[in-house]
Amino acid sequence: MASTRKRKRELKRLKNTAATVVDEQREVLDHAGKVLREARRQLGDYAKQDVAPRFAGAYESNIRPRVASGVAAGRAAAYVSRARIADDVIPAVAGTISSTLAVLEAAKDPRVREVVKKAGKKTKSYSKAASKQIRPAKSSGGPGKYILAAFGIAAVAAVAYAAWQTLRADDDLWIEDVADVDPAV
């Protein structure tokens, strides 16, 4: 199929127009790239000059003091708790343990054993006389069982009291100003 001259001219014109459009598109894309680079530079400058100082100022005036006061309050609470345990709980538990050990040591003393035996003999003689008149009483195992039970109850009560004293809410534990607290005291 042969093309006419007219058609060849139109194709040549179309080809030139297409080349012109492609060149214009390249120029537009090049210009758009330049605009984007300039916008990126301007945005970076704006972030450095306006946004970063505002963010830093907001951090210094709002966030940092609150974090610092929370840390200081936590330290003060830890100091008060440590002082309560050292001043209240440990002495109470140590006192209870030492009292229990003192009674156990006293029970090892031969004089105390002799007194307990005499008391046991008197109890047996009274119980023999009573057993003839009334039904026989069951053996209780001696007074040591009751003494140990009493000391056990006293130890539990002392530990419970110390824990209650430590964990109870006192109004004087509230700290008004963290700067006034000196942990070295």
N, C-alpha and C. Protein backbone atom coordinates (compact mmCIF):
# COMPACT_ATOMS: atom_id res chain seq x y z
N MET A 1 0.81 -1.17 0.00
CA MET A 1 0.00 0.00 0.00
C MET A 1 0.86 1.24 0.00
N ALA A 2 0.60 1.97 -0.93
CA ALA A 2 1.39 3.16 -1.11
C ALA A 2 0.74 4.30 -0.36
N SER A 3 1.59 5.12 0.26
CA SER A 3 1.08 6.28 0.98
C SER A 3 1.14 7.48 0.06
N THR A 4 0.19 8.29 0.25
CA THR A 4 0.17 9.49 -0.54
C THR A 4 1.07 10.53 0.11
N ARG A 5 1.43 11.52 -0.68
CA ARG A 5 2.28 12.57 -0.14
C ARG A 5 1.63 13.30 1.00
N LYS A 6 0.35 13.50 0.84
CA LYS A 6 -0.39 14.21 1.88
C LYS A 6 -0.29 13.45 3.20
N ARG A 7 -0.45 12.14 3.12
CA ARG A 7 -0.41 11.34 4.33
C ARG A 7 1.01 11.37 4.91
N LYS A 8 2.04 11.33 4.09
CA LYS A 8 3.41 11.38 4.56
C LYS A 8 3.70 12.69 5.27
N ARG A 9 3.21 13.79 4.73
CA ARG A 9 3.39 15.09 5.37
C ARG A 9 2.70 15.13 6.72
N GLU A 10 1.49 14.57 6.79
CA GLU A 10 0.75 14.55 8.06
C GLU A 10 1.48 13.69 9.09
N LEU A 11 2.04 12.57 8.66
CA LEU A 11 2.81 11.73 9.58
C LEU A 11 4.06 12.45 10.06
N LYS A 12 4.73 13.16 9.12
CA LYS A 12 5.92 13.89 9.50
C LYS A 12 5.57 14.99 10.50
N ARG A 13 4.48 15.73 10.27
CA ARG A 13 4.02 16.77 11.16
C ARG A 13 3.66 16.18 12.53
N LEU A 14 2.97 15.03 12.53
CA LEU A 14 2.59 14.35 13.78
C LEU A 14 3.83 13.91 14.55
N LYS A 15 4.83 13.41 13.80
CA LYS A 15 6.07 12.99 14.43
C LYS A 15 6.78 14.18 15.06
N ASN A 16 6.83 15.30 14.38
CA ASN A 16 7.44 16.51 14.93
C ASN A 16 6.67 17.02 16.15
N THR A 17 5.35 16.97 16.07
CA THR A 17 4.52 17.40 17.19
C THR A 17 4.74 16.49 18.40
N ALA A 18 4.83 15.17 18.17
CA ALA A 18 5.08 14.21 19.26
C ALA A 18 6.44 14.47 19.89
N ALA A 19 7.44 14.76 19.07
CA ALA A 19 8.78 15.06 19.60
C ALA A 19 8.74 16.33 20.42
N THR A 20 8.00 17.32 19.94
CA THR A 20 7.86 18.57 20.68
C THR A 20 7.17 18.34 22.02
N VAL A 21 6.11 17.54 22.01
CA VAL A 21 5.38 17.23 23.26
C VAL A 21 6.29 16.50 24.24
N VAL A 22 7.09 15.54 23.73
CA VAL A 22 8.01 14.79 24.61
C VAL A 22 9.03 15.75 25.20
N ASP A 23 9.56 16.66 24.41
CA ASP A 23 10.53 17.64 24.92
C ASP A 23 9.89 18.53 25.97
N GLU A 24 8.67 18.97 25.71
CA GLU A 24 7.95 19.80 26.70
C GLU A 24 7.71 19.03 28.00
N GLN A 25 7.36 17.73 27.86
CA GLN A 25 7.15 16.90 29.05
C GLN A 25 8.44 16.77 29.86
N ARG A 26 9.56 16.62 29.17
CA ARG A 26 10.85 16.54 29.86
C ARG A 26 11.13 17.83 30.61
N GLU A 27 10.86 18.95 29.98
CA GLU A 27 11.06 20.24 30.63
C GLU A 27 10.15 20.39 31.85
N VAL A 28 8.89 19.97 31.69
CA VAL A 28 7.94 20.05 32.82
C VAL A 28 8.43 19.18 33.98
N LEU A 29 8.85 17.94 33.69
CA LEU A 29 9.33 17.04 34.74
C LEU A 29 10.61 17.58 35.39
N ASP A 30 11.48 18.18 34.57
CA ASP A 30 12.69 18.78 35.11
C ASP A 30 12.33 19.94 36.04
N HIS A 31 11.41 20.76 35.61
CA HIS A 31 10.97 21.90 36.43
C HIS A 31 10.29 21.39 37.72
N ALA A 32 9.48 20.35 37.62
CA ALA A 32 8.81 19.79 38.80
C ALA A 32 9.84 19.23 39.78
N GLY A 33 10.91 18.61 39.27
CA GLY A 33 11.98 18.11 40.14
C GLY A 33 12.66 19.24 40.88
N LYS A 34 12.92 20.36 40.15
CA LYS A 34 13.53 21.53 40.79
C LYS A 34 12.63 22.09 41.88
N VAL A 35 11.33 22.17 41.60
CA VAL A 35 10.37 22.68 42.59
C VAL A 35 10.34 21.78 43.81
N LEU A 36 10.34 20.45 43.60
CA LEU A 36 10.34 19.51 44.73
C LEU A 36 11.61 19.63 45.57
N ARG A 37 12.77 19.77 44.92
CA ARG A 37 14.02 19.94 45.67
C ARG A 37 13.99 21.21 46.50
N GLU A 38 13.49 22.29 45.92
CA GLU A 38 13.40 23.56 46.66
C GLU A 38 12.40 23.44 47.82
N ALA A 39 11.29 22.75 47.59
CA ALA A 39 10.30 22.56 48.66
C ALA A 39 10.89 21.73 49.80
N ARG A 40 11.66 20.69 49.45
CA ARG A 40 12.29 19.87 50.47
C ARG A 40 13.29 20.70 51.29
N ARG A 41 14.07 21.54 50.62
CA ARG A 41 15.04 22.40 51.32
C ARG A 41 14.32 23.37 52.24
N GLN A 42 13.24 23.97 51.73
CA GLN A 42 12.47 24.92 52.55
C GLN A 42 11.84 24.22 53.76
N LEU A 43 11.34 23.03 53.57
CA LEU A 43 10.73 22.28 54.67
C LEU A 43 11.79 21.93 55.73
N GLY A 44 12.97 21.55 55.29
CA GLY A 44 14.05 21.27 56.23
C GLY A 44 14.44 22.50 57.03
N ASP A 45 14.55 23.64 56.34
CA ASP A 45 14.86 24.89 57.04
C ASP A 45 13.76 25.26 58.03
N TYR A 46 12.51 25.09 57.62
CA TYR A 46 11.39 25.40 58.51
C TYR A 46 11.43 24.49 59.75
N ALA A 47 11.70 23.21 59.53
CA ALA A 47 11.76 22.27 60.66
C ALA A 47 12.89 22.65 61.62
N LYS A 48 14.04 23.02 61.07
CA LYS A 48 15.18 23.39 61.93
C LYS A 48 14.94 24.69 62.68
N GLN A 49 14.31 25.66 62.02
CA GLN A 49 14.20 26.98 62.61
C GLN A 49 12.93 27.16 63.46
N ASP A 50 11.83 26.49 63.11
CA ASP A 50 10.58 26.72 63.83
C ASP A 50 10.10 25.52 64.64
N VAL A 51 10.05 24.37 64.02
CA VAL A 51 9.46 23.20 64.67
C VAL A 51 10.37 22.67 65.78
N ALA A 52 11.65 22.50 65.51
CA ALA A 52 12.57 21.94 66.51
C ALA A 52 12.63 22.81 67.77
N PRO A 53 12.76 24.15 67.68
CA PRO A 53 12.78 24.94 68.91
C PRO A 53 11.46 24.88 69.68
N ARG A 54 10.34 24.84 68.97
CA ARG A 54 9.05 24.72 69.66
C ARG A 54 8.94 23.39 70.38
N PHE A 55 9.36 22.33 69.71
CA PHE A 55 9.32 21.01 70.33
C PHE A 55 10.24 20.96 71.55
N ALA A 56 11.45 21.51 71.40
CA ALA A 56 12.39 21.52 72.52
C ALA A 56 11.84 22.34 73.69
N GLY A 57 11.22 23.47 73.39
CA GLY A 57 10.63 24.29 74.45
C GLY A 57 9.48 23.59 75.14
N ALA A 58 8.63 22.93 74.38
CA ALA A 58 7.53 22.18 74.98
C ALA A 58 8.05 21.04 75.83
N TYR A 59 9.10 20.37 75.37
CA TYR A 59 9.68 19.28 76.14
C TYR A 59 10.27 19.80 77.45
N GLU A 60 11.02 20.88 77.38
CA GLU A 60 11.66 21.43 78.58
C GLU A 60 10.64 21.99 79.57
N SER A 61 9.56 22.57 79.09
CA SER A 61 8.60 23.20 80.01
C SER A 61 7.51 22.25 80.48
N ASN A 62 7.17 21.21 79.72
CA ASN A 62 6.06 20.35 80.11
C ASN A 62 6.48 18.94 80.50
N ILE A 63 7.21 18.28 79.65
CA ILE A 63 7.49 16.86 79.86
C ILE A 63 8.60 16.64 80.88
N ARG A 64 9.71 17.33 80.72
CA ARG A 64 10.86 17.09 81.60
C ARG A 64 10.56 17.34 83.07
N PRO A 65 9.88 18.43 83.46
CA PRO A 65 9.59 18.63 84.89
C PRO A 65 8.69 17.54 85.47
N ARG A 66 7.74 17.07 84.68
CA ARG A 66 6.84 16.02 85.19
C ARG A 66 7.57 14.70 85.37
N VAL A 67 8.43 14.38 84.45
CA VAL A 67 9.22 13.15 84.60
C VAL A 67 10.14 13.28 85.80
N ALA A 68 10.77 14.43 85.96
CA ALA A 68 11.68 14.64 87.09
C ALA A 68 10.94 14.56 88.41
N SER A 69 9.74 15.16 88.49
CA SER A 69 8.98 15.10 89.74
C SER A 69 8.50 13.68 90.02
N GLY A 70 8.17 12.92 88.99
CA GLY A 70 7.77 11.52 89.19
C GLY A 70 8.92 10.68 89.70
N VAL A 71 10.11 10.91 89.15
CA VAL A 71 11.29 10.18 89.61
C VAL A 71 11.61 10.56 91.06
N ALA A 72 11.53 11.85 91.37
CA ALA A 72 11.81 12.29 92.73
C ALA A 72 10.79 11.74 93.72
N ALA A 73 9.52 11.70 93.32
CA ALA A 73 8.49 11.15 94.20
C ALA A 73 8.73 9.65 94.41
N GLY A 74 9.14 8.95 93.37
CA GLY A 74 9.46 7.53 93.52
C GLY A 74 10.63 7.30 94.46
N ARG A 75 11.65 8.13 94.34
CA ARG A 75 12.80 8.02 95.25
C ARG A 75 12.39 8.32 96.68
N ALA A 76 11.57 9.34 96.87
CA ALA A 76 11.13 9.69 98.22
C ALA A 76 10.29 8.56 98.82
N ALA A 77 9.41 7.97 98.03
CA ALA A 77 8.59 6.86 98.53
C ALA A 77 9.47 5.66 98.88
N ALA A 78 10.47 5.40 98.07
CA ALA A 78 11.40 4.29 98.37
C ALA A 78 12.17 4.57 99.65
N TYR A 79 12.58 5.82 99.85
CA TYR A 79 13.30 6.18 101.06
C TYR A 79 12.41 6.01 102.29
N VAL A 80 11.18 6.47 102.21
CA VAL A 80 10.26 6.34 103.35
C VAL A 80 9.96 4.87 103.63
N SER A 81 9.77 4.08 102.59
CA SER A 81 9.50 2.65 102.78
C SER A 81 10.70 1.96 103.41
N ARG A 82 11.88 2.27 102.93
CA ARG A 82 13.08 1.67 103.50
C ARG A 82 13.23 2.07 104.97
N ALA A 83 12.96 3.32 105.29
CA ALA A 83 13.08 3.78 106.67
C ALA A 83 12.04 3.09 107.55
N ARG A 84 10.81 2.93 107.06
CA ARG A 84 9.77 2.25 107.84
C ARG A 84 10.15 0.81 108.13
N ILE A 85 10.66 0.13 107.11
CA ILE A 85 11.04 -1.27 107.31
C ILE A 85 12.19 -1.35 108.31
N ALA A 86 13.17 -0.47 108.15
CA ALA A 86 14.34 -0.51 109.03
C ALA A 86 13.98 -0.10 110.46
N ASP A 87 13.06 0.85 110.62
CA ASP A 87 12.73 1.36 111.95
C ASP A 87 11.60 0.62 112.64
N ASP A 88 10.69 0.02 111.89
CA ASP A 88 9.51 -0.59 112.51
C ASP A 88 9.47 -2.11 112.38
N VAL A 89 9.57 -2.60 111.17
CA VAL A 89 9.35 -4.03 110.94
C VAL A 89 10.50 -4.87 111.47
N ILE A 90 11.72 -4.53 111.10
CA ILE A 90 12.87 -5.35 111.50
C ILE A 90 13.03 -5.39 113.02
N PRO A 91 12.94 -4.26 113.75
CA PRO A 91 13.05 -4.36 115.21
C PRO A 91 11.93 -5.19 115.85
N ALA A 92 10.72 -5.10 115.33
CA ALA A 92 9.61 -5.87 115.90
C ALA A 92 9.83 -7.36 115.69
N VAL A 93 10.24 -7.75 114.50
CA VAL A 93 10.49 -9.17 114.23
C VAL A 93 11.69 -9.66 115.04
N ALA A 94 12.73 -8.86 115.12
CA ALA A 94 13.91 -9.25 115.89
C ALA A 94 13.57 -9.38 117.37
N GLY A 95 12.76 -8.48 117.89
CA GLY A 95 12.35 -8.56 119.29
C GLY A 95 11.53 -9.82 119.56
N THR A 96 10.64 -10.14 118.68
CA THR A 96 9.83 -11.35 118.85
C THR A 96 10.69 -12.60 118.81
N ILE A 97 11.60 -12.64 117.87
CA ILE A 97 12.49 -13.81 117.76
C ILE A 97 13.37 -13.92 118.99
N SER A 98 13.92 -12.80 119.46
CA SER A 98 14.80 -12.86 120.63
C SER A 98 14.02 -13.27 121.87
N SER A 99 12.78 -12.81 122.00
CA SER A 99 11.97 -13.23 123.15
C SER A 99 11.69 -14.73 123.11
N THR A 100 11.38 -15.23 121.93
CA THR A 100 11.13 -16.67 121.79
C THR A 100 12.38 -17.47 122.11
N LEU A 101 13.53 -17.03 121.62
CA LEU A 101 14.78 -17.72 121.91
C LEU A 101 15.13 -17.66 123.39
N ALA A 102 14.84 -16.54 124.04
CA ALA A 102 15.11 -16.42 125.47
C ALA A 102 14.26 -17.40 126.27
N VAL A 103 13.00 -17.56 125.90
CA VAL A 103 12.14 -18.51 126.60
C VAL A 103 12.62 -19.93 126.37
N LEU A 104 13.03 -20.24 125.14
CA LEU A 104 13.55 -21.58 124.87
C LEU A 104 14.84 -21.85 125.64
N GLU A 105 15.69 -20.85 125.75
CA GLU A 105 16.91 -21.01 126.56
C GLU A 105 16.57 -21.19 128.03
N ALA A 106 15.58 -20.44 128.51
CA ALA A 106 15.16 -20.58 129.91
C ALA A 106 14.58 -21.97 130.15
N ALA A 107 13.94 -22.54 129.18
CA ALA A 107 13.36 -23.88 129.33
C ALA A 107 14.46 -24.93 129.43
N LYS A 108 15.65 -24.65 128.91
CA LYS A 108 16.76 -25.59 129.01
C LYS A 108 17.44 -25.55 130.39
N ASP A 109 17.20 -24.50 131.15
CA ASP A 109 17.82 -24.36 132.47
C ASP A 109 17.32 -25.47 133.40
N PRO A 110 18.23 -26.14 134.11
CA PRO A 110 17.81 -27.24 134.99
C PRO A 110 16.87 -26.78 136.11
N ARG A 111 17.03 -25.58 136.61
CA ARG A 111 16.15 -25.09 137.68
C ARG A 111 14.73 -24.95 137.18
N VAL A 112 14.59 -24.45 135.94
CA VAL A 112 13.25 -24.30 135.38
C VAL A 112 12.64 -25.66 135.14
N ARG A 113 13.44 -26.61 134.68
CA ARG A 113 12.92 -27.96 134.46
C ARG A 113 12.45 -28.57 135.78
N GLU A 114 13.20 -28.33 136.85
CA GLU A 114 12.82 -28.86 138.16
C GLU A 114 11.49 -28.28 138.61
N VAL A 115 11.31 -26.99 138.40
CA VAL A 115 10.03 -26.35 138.79
C VAL A 115 8.89 -26.92 137.96
N VAL A 116 9.13 -27.15 136.67
CA VAL A 116 8.09 -27.70 135.80
C VAL A 116 7.75 -29.13 136.23
N LYS A 117 8.78 -29.92 136.62
CA LYS A 117 8.53 -31.29 137.09
C LYS A 117 7.70 -31.29 138.37
N LYS A 118 8.06 -30.39 139.30
CA LYS A 118 7.30 -30.32 140.56
C LYS A 118 5.85 -29.93 140.28
N ALA A 119 5.68 -28.99 139.39
CA ALA A 119 4.32 -28.58 139.05
C ALA A 119 3.58 -29.74 138.40
N GLY A 120 4.28 -30.51 137.59
CA GLY A 120 3.67 -31.67 136.95
C GLY A 120 3.30 -32.75 137.96
N LYS A 121 4.16 -32.97 138.97
CA LYS A 121 3.87 -33.98 140.00
C LYS A 121 2.66 -33.57 140.82
N LYS A 122 2.60 -32.30 141.17
CA LYS A 122 1.45 -31.83 141.95
C LYS A 122 0.18 -31.97 141.13
N THR A 123 0.28 -31.69 139.87
CA THR A 123 -0.89 -31.82 139.00
C THR A 123 -1.30 -33.28 138.90
N LYS A 124 -0.31 -34.18 138.82
CA LYS A 124 -0.63 -35.61 138.74
C LYS A 124 -1.28 -36.09 140.03
N SER A 125 -0.77 -35.64 141.19
CA SER A 125 -1.36 -36.10 142.46
C SER A 125 -2.78 -35.58 142.60
N TYR A 126 -3.01 -34.35 142.17
CA TYR A 126 -4.36 -33.81 142.23
C TYR A 126 -5.26 -34.54 141.24
N SER A 127 -4.70 -34.87 140.09
CA SER A 127 -5.52 -35.54 139.09
C SER A 127 -5.84 -36.97 139.50
N LYS A 128 -4.92 -37.63 140.25
CA LYS A 128 -5.22 -38.99 140.73
C LYS A 128 -6.39 -38.95 141.69
N ALA A 129 -6.37 -37.98 142.58
CA ALA A 129 -7.47 -37.87 143.54
C ALA A 129 -8.77 -37.53 142.83
N ALA A 130 -8.68 -36.69 141.84
CA ALA A 130 -9.88 -36.30 141.11
C ALA A 130 -10.35 -37.42 140.21
N SER A 131 -9.43 -38.25 139.72
CA SER A 131 -9.84 -39.32 138.81
C SER A 131 -10.63 -40.40 139.52
N LYS A 132 -10.40 -40.56 140.81
CA LYS A 132 -11.17 -41.53 141.56
C LYS A 132 -12.61 -41.06 141.69
N GLN A 133 -12.80 -39.77 141.80
CA GLN A 133 -14.15 -39.24 141.99
C GLN A 133 -14.83 -38.96 140.64
N ILE A 134 -14.09 -38.49 139.70
CA ILE A 134 -14.64 -38.11 138.39
C ILE A 134 -13.92 -38.94 137.34
N ARG A 135 -14.46 -39.02 136.16
CA ARG A 135 -13.83 -39.81 135.11
C ARG A 135 -12.41 -39.31 134.85
N PRO A 136 -11.54 -40.16 134.38
CA PRO A 136 -10.13 -39.80 134.23
C PRO A 136 -9.93 -38.71 133.16
N ALA A 137 -9.02 -37.80 133.46
CA ALA A 137 -8.70 -36.71 132.52
C ALA A 137 -7.66 -37.20 131.52
N LYS A 138 -7.73 -36.71 130.32
CA LYS A 138 -6.78 -37.10 129.29
C LYS A 138 -5.47 -36.33 129.50
N SER A 139 -4.36 -36.98 129.17
CA SER A 139 -3.05 -36.36 129.31
C SER A 139 -2.92 -35.24 128.27
N SER A 140 -2.44 -34.07 128.72
CA SER A 140 -2.34 -32.93 127.82
C SER A 140 -0.97 -32.79 127.19
N GLY A 141 -0.01 -33.57 127.63
CA GLY A 141 1.30 -33.48 127.02
C GLY A 141 2.20 -32.48 127.71
N GLY A 142 1.81 -31.87 128.76
CA GLY A 142 2.66 -30.95 129.52
C GLY A 142 2.41 -29.50 129.17
N PRO A 143 2.97 -28.62 129.98
CA PRO A 143 2.75 -27.18 129.77
C PRO A 143 3.58 -26.61 128.62
N GLY A 144 4.59 -27.34 128.17
CA GLY A 144 5.43 -26.83 127.07
C GLY A 144 4.65 -26.56 125.81
N LYS A 145 3.64 -27.40 125.58
CA LYS A 145 2.82 -27.23 124.40
C LYS A 145 2.08 -25.90 124.45
N TYR A 146 1.58 -25.55 125.61
CA TYR A 146 0.84 -24.30 125.75
C TYR A 146 1.78 -23.09 125.70
N ILE A 147 2.97 -23.27 126.27
CA ILE A 147 3.93 -22.18 126.24
C ILE A 147 4.35 -21.90 124.79
N LEU A 148 4.64 -22.96 124.04
CA LEU A 148 5.01 -22.78 122.63
C LEU A 148 3.87 -22.19 121.82
N ALA A 149 2.66 -22.62 122.09
CA ALA A 149 1.51 -22.06 121.38
C ALA A 149 1.36 -20.58 121.67
N ALA A 150 1.56 -20.19 122.94
CA ALA A 150 1.46 -18.78 123.31
C ALA A 150 2.53 -17.96 122.61
N PHE A 151 3.75 -18.49 122.57
CA PHE A 151 4.82 -17.76 121.89
C PHE A 151 4.58 -17.70 120.38
N GLY A 152 4.04 -18.74 119.82
CA GLY A 152 3.71 -18.72 118.40
C GLY A 152 2.67 -17.67 118.09
N ILE A 153 1.64 -17.60 118.93
CA ILE A 153 0.59 -16.59 118.74
C ILE A 153 1.18 -15.19 118.91
N ALA A 154 2.06 -15.02 119.91
CA ALA A 154 2.69 -13.72 120.14
C ALA A 154 3.56 -13.32 118.95
N ALA A 155 4.27 -14.28 118.37
CA ALA A 155 5.12 -13.98 117.22
C ALA A 155 4.28 -13.56 116.02
N VAL A 156 3.22 -14.30 115.77
CA VAL A 156 2.34 -13.95 114.64
C VAL A 156 1.70 -12.58 114.87
N ALA A 157 1.28 -12.31 116.10
CA ALA A 157 0.67 -11.01 116.40
C ALA A 157 1.69 -9.89 116.23
N ALA A 158 2.93 -10.10 116.65
CA ALA A 158 3.96 -9.07 116.52
C ALA A 158 4.27 -8.79 115.04
N VAL A 159 4.38 -9.84 114.24
CA VAL A 159 4.64 -9.64 112.81
C VAL A 159 3.45 -8.94 112.15
N ALA A 160 2.24 -9.34 112.50
CA ALA A 160 1.05 -8.69 111.93
C ALA A 160 0.99 -7.22 112.34
N TYR A 161 1.32 -6.92 113.59
CA TYR A 161 1.29 -5.53 114.05
C TYR A 161 2.36 -4.70 113.32
N ALA A 162 3.55 -5.28 113.17
CA ALA A 162 4.61 -4.56 112.47
C ALA A 162 4.23 -4.31 111.02
N ALA A 163 3.63 -5.29 110.38
CA ALA A 163 3.19 -5.11 109.00
C ALA A 163 2.09 -4.06 108.91
N TRP A 164 1.18 -4.08 109.87
CA TRP A 164 0.10 -3.09 109.87
C TRP A 164 0.67 -1.69 110.07
N GLN A 165 1.62 -1.53 110.98
CA GLN A 165 2.22 -0.23 111.21
C GLN A 165 2.96 0.27 109.97
N THR A 166 3.57 -0.65 109.27
CA THR A 166 4.32 -0.27 108.08
C THR A 166 3.41 0.11 106.93
N LEU A 167 2.33 -0.62 106.76
CA LEU A 167 1.49 -0.44 105.58
C LEU A 167 0.31 0.49 105.79
N ARG A 168 0.09 0.96 106.99
CA ARG A 168 -1.07 1.84 107.20
C ARG A 168 -0.84 3.20 106.56
N ALA A 169 -1.90 3.86 106.22
CA ALA A 169 -1.82 5.15 105.54
C ALA A 169 -1.70 6.25 106.58
N ASP A 170 -0.62 6.98 106.53
CA ASP A 170 -0.43 8.13 107.41
C ASP A 170 -0.52 9.39 106.58
N ASP A 171 -1.15 10.41 107.15
CA ASP A 171 -1.25 11.68 106.44
C ASP A 171 0.09 12.40 106.41
N ASP A 172 0.97 12.10 107.35
CA ASP A 172 2.25 12.79 107.38
C ASP A 172 3.25 12.23 106.38
N LEU A 173 2.86 11.20 105.64
CA LEU A 173 3.75 10.64 104.62
C LEU A 173 3.69 11.40 103.31
N TRP A 174 2.71 12.25 103.14
CA TRP A 174 2.59 13.00 101.89
C TRP A 174 3.71 14.03 101.81
N ILE A 175 4.34 14.10 100.67
CA ILE A 175 5.47 15.00 100.49
C ILE A 175 5.01 16.15 99.62
N GLU A 176 5.13 17.36 100.16
CA GLU A 176 4.67 18.54 99.44
C GLU A 176 5.67 18.96 98.37
N ASP A 177 6.93 19.15 98.76
CA ASP A 177 7.93 19.65 97.82
C ASP A 177 9.09 18.67 97.80
N VAL A 178 9.40 18.17 96.65
CA VAL A 178 10.43 17.15 96.51
C VAL A 178 11.80 17.74 96.79
N ALA A 179 12.01 19.02 96.55
CA ALA A 179 13.30 19.64 96.75
C ALA A 179 13.69 19.67 98.22
N ASP A 180 12.70 19.63 99.15
CA ASP A 180 12.97 19.67 100.58
C ASP A 180 13.42 18.34 101.14
N VAL A 181 13.26 17.25 100.41
CA VAL A 181 13.60 15.93 100.90
C VAL A 181 15.10 15.71 100.74
N ASP A 182 15.76 15.33 101.83
CA ASP A 182 17.17 15.04 101.80
C ASP A 182 17.36 13.58 102.12
N PRO A 183 17.69 12.73 101.15
CA PRO A 183 17.78 11.29 101.40
C PRO A 183 18.92 10.93 102.33
N ALA A 184 19.88 11.82 102.58
CA ALA A 184 21.01 11.51 103.47
C ALA A 184 20.60 11.60 104.93
N VAL A 185 19.46 12.20 105.24
CA VAL A 185 19.04 12.36 106.65
C VAL A 185 18.62 11.04 107.23
